[in-house]
Protein backbone atom coordinates (compact mmCIF):
# COMPACT_ATOMS: atom_id res chain seq x y z
CA UNK A 1 -85.42 -150.34 10.13
CA UNK A 2 -86.24 -153.45 12.25
CA UNK A 3 -88.62 -153.68 14.79
CA UNK A 4 -86.23 -153.34 17.51
CA UNK A 5 -84.51 -150.44 15.92
CA UNK A 6 -87.89 -148.76 15.73
CA UNK A 7 -89.08 -149.40 19.44
CA UNK A 8 -85.35 -148.29 20.47
CA UNK A 9 -85.74 -145.19 18.41
CA UNK A 10 -88.98 -144.47 19.99
CA UNK A 11 -88.37 -144.80 23.29
CA UNK A 12 -84.79 -142.95 23.20
CA UNK A 13 -86.86 -139.81 21.71
CA UNK A 14 -89.32 -140.19 24.52
CA UNK A 15 -86.47 -140.23 26.97
CA UNK A 16 -84.85 -137.07 25.46
CA UNK A 17 -88.28 -135.34 25.09
CA UNK A 18 -87.95 -135.48 21.20
CA UNK A 19 -91.52 -135.35 20.11
CA UNK A 20 -90.52 -135.23 16.47
CA UNK A 21 -88.37 -138.23 16.63
CA UNK A 22 -91.48 -140.14 18.66
CA UNK A 23 -93.83 -139.16 16.03
CA UNK A 24 -91.44 -140.33 12.98
CA UNK A 25 -92.12 -144.06 14.53
CA UNK A 26 -95.57 -144.07 13.92
CA UNK A 27 -97.60 -144.60 10.86
CA UNK A 28 -100.31 -141.82 9.63
CA UNK A 29 -102.83 -144.54 10.51
CA UNK A 30 -101.90 -145.21 13.84
CA UNK A 31 -104.39 -146.46 16.33
CA UNK A 32 -103.38 -145.82 20.24
CA UNK A 33 -105.28 -147.17 22.81
CA UNK A 34 -104.77 -145.89 26.68
CA UNK A 35 -107.01 -146.02 29.97
CA UNK A 36 -106.10 -142.05 30.32
CA UNK A 37 -106.99 -141.18 26.78
CA UNK A 38 -109.01 -143.81 25.22
CA UNK A 39 -108.72 -144.75 21.52
CA UNK A 40 -106.89 -142.09 19.49
CA UNK A 41 -106.38 -142.32 15.69
CA UNK A 42 -103.70 -140.49 13.30
CA UNK A 43 -102.91 -136.89 13.89
CA UNK A 44 -104.90 -137.19 17.20
CA UNK A 45 -102.55 -139.73 18.65
CA UNK A 46 -99.81 -137.71 17.45
CA UNK A 47 -101.15 -134.38 19.03
CA UNK A 48 -101.38 -136.18 22.32
CA UNK A 49 -97.85 -136.96 22.80
CA UNK A 50 -97.05 -133.52 21.60
CA UNK A 51 -99.32 -132.01 24.70
CA UNK A 52 -98.06 -134.61 27.19
CA UNK A 53 -94.26 -133.68 26.06
CA UNK A 54 -95.10 -130.00 25.75
CA UNK A 55 -96.31 -129.74 29.28
CA UNK A 56 -93.72 -131.60 30.94
CA UNK A 57 -91.10 -128.93 30.75
CA UNK A 58 -88.51 -131.52 31.00
CA UNK A 59 -89.65 -132.98 34.31
CA UNK A 60 -90.44 -136.42 32.81
CA UNK A 61 -87.62 -139.48 33.06
CA UNK A 62 -88.06 -142.28 31.11
CA UNK A 63 -85.97 -145.47 31.20
CA UNK A 64 -86.44 -148.39 29.21
CA UNK A 65 -84.99 -152.05 28.48
CA UNK A 66 -85.76 -155.53 27.58
CA UNK A 67 -86.95 -155.13 23.97
CA UNK A 68 -88.03 -158.07 22.34
CA UNK A 69 -89.47 -158.21 18.67
CA UNK A 70 -90.26 -160.63 16.09
CA UNK A 71 -91.29 -160.25 12.58
CA UNK A 72 -95.03 -158.61 13.12
CA UNK A 73 -94.69 -157.25 16.72
CA UNK A 74 -92.64 -155.74 19.70
CA UNK A 75 -92.61 -155.07 23.20
CA UNK A 76 -90.69 -152.89 25.91
CA UNK A 77 -90.43 -152.65 29.44
CA UNK A 78 -90.58 -148.95 30.09
CA UNK A 79 -91.29 -146.59 33.19
CA UNK A 80 -91.86 -142.88 33.56
CA UNK A 81 -91.36 -140.94 36.55
CA UNK A 82 -93.03 -137.78 36.42
CA UNK A 83 -94.95 -135.21 38.87
CA UNK A 84 -98.54 -134.93 38.59
CA UNK A 85 -100.78 -132.45 40.10
CA UNK A 86 -99.84 -129.99 42.56
CA UNK A 87 -96.51 -131.45 42.84
CA UNK A 88 -95.95 -130.86 39.24
CA UNK A 89 -94.96 -127.55 40.25
CA UNK A 90 -92.28 -128.55 42.51
């Protein structure tokens, strides 16, 4: 699978709330860093996605475009729209 195909699969899975599809894109030794979660490694990074998607109840909308890749890296422009806090119940 090319880097472009891998990124497309990940974000397509994300937009479909398909956590197993997302997780299949990660290496077992993944290191994920995010301001909200800090640095998560391996199964902890995978568990974070499972937790987030399980709590979304289908209320998260993900769109993506502009996939750029080369031999070793890739990037994508993506946007998440979701309710947070008290609005989450609306």
